[in-house]
Protein backbone atom coordinates (compact mmCIF):
# COMPACT_ATOMS: atom_id res chain seq x y z
CA MET A 1 -9.88 25.80 -276.08
CA ASN A 2 -10.30 23.43 -278.98
CA GLU A 3 -10.03 19.92 -278.71
CA CYS A 4 -7.43 18.97 -281.23
CA PRO A 5 -5.16 20.76 -283.49
CA CYS A 6 -7.28 21.27 -286.43
CA GLY A 7 -10.40 22.29 -284.32
CA TYR A 8 -13.00 20.06 -285.71
CA HIS A 9 -12.75 17.24 -283.05
CA ASN A 10 -16.82 16.61 -282.82
CA HIS A 11 -17.86 19.07 -284.86
CA PRO A 12 -21.15 18.50 -286.39
CA GLU A 13 -20.70 18.60 -289.82
CA LYS A 14 -16.92 18.67 -290.43
CA ASP A 15 -14.63 15.94 -289.71
CA CYS A 16 -11.16 16.18 -287.69
CA VAL A 17 -8.23 15.69 -290.09
CA CYS A 18 -5.86 14.94 -287.49
CA ALA A 19 -4.02 11.62 -286.85
CA PRO A 20 -4.99 9.01 -284.63
CA GLY A 21 -3.80 9.34 -280.94
CA VAL A 22 -3.29 13.47 -282.08
CA VAL A 23 -6.57 14.44 -280.33
CA GLN A 24 -5.52 12.44 -276.97
CA LYS A 25 -2.00 13.50 -276.99
CA TYR A 26 -3.52 17.11 -277.50
CA LEU A 27 -5.56 16.92 -274.74
CA ASN A 28 -3.09 15.50 -272.34
CA ARG A 29 -1.20 18.50 -272.46
CA ILE A 30 -3.89 20.08 -270.00
CA SER A 31 -2.86 18.68 -266.83
CA GLY A 32 -5.77 16.89 -264.34
CA PRO A 33 -4.68 18.80 -261.32
CA LEU A 34 -5.05 21.97 -263.96
CA LEU A 35 -8.70 20.77 -264.90
CA ASP A 36 -9.47 19.76 -261.10
CA ARG A 37 -9.23 23.79 -260.09
CA ILE A 38 -11.79 24.67 -262.97
CA ASP A 39 -15.33 24.54 -261.50
CA ILE A 40 -17.59 24.04 -264.48
CA HIS A 41 -16.25 22.28 -267.85
CA VAL A 42 -18.87 22.24 -270.69
CA GLU A 43 -17.80 21.32 -274.27
CA VAL A 44 -19.04 23.68 -277.01
CA THR A 45 -19.59 22.20 -280.25
CA PRO A 46 -20.66 24.84 -283.04
CA VAL A 47 -24.40 25.47 -283.54
CA ALA A 48 -25.90 24.79 -287.00
CA PHE A 49 -27.23 28.00 -288.47
CA SER A 50 -30.62 26.32 -289.05
CA GLU A 51 -30.54 26.34 -284.91
CA LEU A 52 -29.28 30.02 -285.12
CA THR A 53 -31.80 31.38 -287.29
CA GLN A 54 -34.67 29.58 -285.20
CA GLU A 55 -37.08 31.63 -282.89
CA GLN A 56 -37.49 30.52 -279.84
CA VAL A 57 -38.67 32.00 -276.37
CA SER A 58 -35.79 31.96 -273.96
CA GLU A 59 -35.31 33.31 -270.38
CA LYS A 60 -35.25 36.77 -270.31
CA SER A 61 -32.17 37.79 -269.18
CA GLU A 62 -33.65 40.20 -266.38
CA LYS A 63 -35.15 37.32 -264.79
CA VAL A 64 -32.02 35.24 -265.20
CA ARG A 65 -30.07 38.74 -263.48
CA ASN A 66 -32.63 38.82 -260.25
CA ARG A 67 -32.30 34.79 -259.68
CA VAL A 68 -28.30 35.43 -259.48
CA ILE A 69 -28.91 38.35 -257.75
CA LYS A 70 -31.15 36.60 -255.27
CA ALA A 71 -28.71 33.72 -255.15
CA ARG A 72 -25.79 35.70 -254.25
CA ASP A 73 -27.54 37.44 -251.20
CA VAL A 74 -28.62 34.02 -250.16
CA GLN A 75 -24.99 33.05 -250.21
CA GLU A 76 -23.96 36.41 -248.62
CA LYS A 77 -26.46 35.64 -245.77
CA ARG A 78 -24.91 32.20 -245.53
CA PHE A 79 -21.47 33.18 -245.08
CA ARG A 80 -21.80 36.30 -242.97
CA GLU A 81 -20.01 34.80 -240.12
CA ASN A 82 -17.02 33.84 -241.98
CA GLU A 83 -14.53 36.01 -242.57
CA ASN A 84 -13.60 36.33 -245.94
CA ILE A 85 -16.30 34.18 -247.23
CA HIS A 86 -18.81 35.51 -249.20
CA CYS A 87 -20.07 32.94 -251.68
CA ASN A 88 -20.19 28.88 -252.34
CA ALA A 89 -16.93 28.50 -254.26
CA GLN A 90 -15.17 29.93 -251.88
CA MET A 91 -16.07 27.33 -248.78
CA SER A 92 -13.65 25.48 -246.90
CA SER A 93 -13.98 21.13 -246.71
CA LYS A 94 -14.85 21.90 -243.45
CA LEU A 95 -17.90 24.19 -244.38
CA LEU A 96 -18.76 22.27 -247.28
CA LYS A 97 -19.73 19.18 -245.03
CA GLN A 98 -21.81 21.41 -242.82
CA ILE A 99 -23.89 23.22 -245.95
CA CYS A 100 -23.81 20.50 -248.90
CA LYS A 101 -25.85 17.76 -246.89
CA ILE A 102 -27.15 15.59 -249.73
CA ASP A 103 -29.29 12.50 -249.18
CA GLU A 104 -29.02 8.62 -249.71
CA GLN A 105 -29.79 8.78 -253.52
CA GLY A 106 -27.27 11.95 -253.95
CA LYS A 107 -24.62 10.08 -252.28
CA GLU A 108 -25.17 6.98 -254.19
CA MET A 109 -25.26 9.01 -257.40
CA LEU A 110 -22.46 11.02 -256.64
CA LYS A 111 -20.55 7.64 -255.57
CA ARG A 112 -21.53 6.36 -259.19
CA ALA A 113 -20.00 9.77 -260.69
CA THR A 114 -16.60 9.35 -259.10
CA ASP A 115 -16.25 5.86 -259.82
CA ARG A 116 -17.40 6.18 -263.71
CA LEU A 117 -15.18 9.56 -264.27
CA GLY A 118 -12.52 9.01 -261.79
CA LEU A 119 -13.05 12.11 -260.03
CA SER A 120 -10.40 13.77 -257.47
CA ALA A 121 -11.61 14.68 -253.83
CA ARG A 122 -11.17 18.35 -255.71
CA ALA A 123 -13.70 17.25 -258.23
CA PHE A 124 -15.97 15.98 -255.77
CA ASP A 125 -16.26 19.11 -253.63
CA ARG A 126 -16.38 21.18 -256.86
CA ILE A 127 -19.24 19.11 -257.35
CA LEU A 128 -20.88 19.79 -254.18
CA LYS A 129 -19.99 23.42 -254.67
CA VAL A 130 -21.76 23.83 -258.11
CA ALA A 131 -24.96 21.96 -256.48
CA ARG A 132 -25.37 24.09 -253.86
CA THR A 133 -25.15 27.44 -256.29
CA ILE A 134 -27.38 25.37 -258.59
CA ALA A 135 -29.85 25.04 -255.46
CA ASP A 136 -29.49 28.40 -254.70
CA LEU A 137 -30.50 29.65 -258.26
CA ASP A 138 -33.33 27.24 -257.95
CA ASP A 139 -34.38 28.89 -254.55
CA SER A 140 -34.33 25.13 -252.83
CA LYS A 141 -32.96 24.97 -249.33
CA GLU A 142 -31.77 21.44 -249.97
CA ILE A 143 -29.35 20.09 -252.77
CA SER A 144 -31.72 17.87 -254.84
CA SER A 145 -30.39 14.97 -257.20
CA ALA A 146 -31.53 17.09 -259.79
CA HIS A 147 -28.99 19.83 -258.92
CA LEU A 148 -26.60 17.31 -258.25
CA ALA A 149 -26.90 15.58 -261.60
CA GLU A 150 -26.88 18.68 -263.15
CA ALA A 151 -23.52 19.72 -261.78
CA ILE A 152 -21.85 16.60 -262.30
CA GLN A 153 -22.63 16.91 -266.02
CA TYR A 154 -20.72 20.07 -265.51
CA ARG A 155 -17.74 17.88 -265.14
CA SER A 156 -17.81 16.43 -268.88
CA LEU A 157 -13.81 17.07 -269.13
CA ASP A 158 -13.19 14.92 -266.23
CA ARG A 159 -14.38 11.71 -268.20
CA ASP A 160 -11.58 9.31 -269.25
CA ASN A 161 -12.67 9.31 -272.89
CA TRP A 162 -13.54 13.38 -273.52
CA ALA A 163 -11.80 12.85 -276.83
CA GLY A 164 -13.89 9.94 -278.43
């Protein structure tokens, strides 16, 4: 979705021409409960031509695919005794508490994020599920602070001032 009616809010090269307050009003059309039901929120700004034409080495698609397949296999094994649950996103709150254990540093990070971003209980649970998936992709048995930080970052639209 665009962040404003003109489509240029937070654009790196073009100015938004929307009147003051219009951007926030536009964004408020998306309800908090609806956003809560989306696991990953990412603001994507246009990429400059100079960046598009740069030659850079990136991870090969085949390697990414293999990591995803391996993570999905881990999740299938994790939930093999739970009927109709095949991946982290389908975890119940009870399973979440058993599977997504975090250390004290992680708990403190989540507390700060919850307070600062005004996260709901549903958003809190979704962060843990995404962090568990990130850890699975990283082939990690434990959810580290780095996994949590990345998952929190994917809740960017939960921020009170996401309209600038």
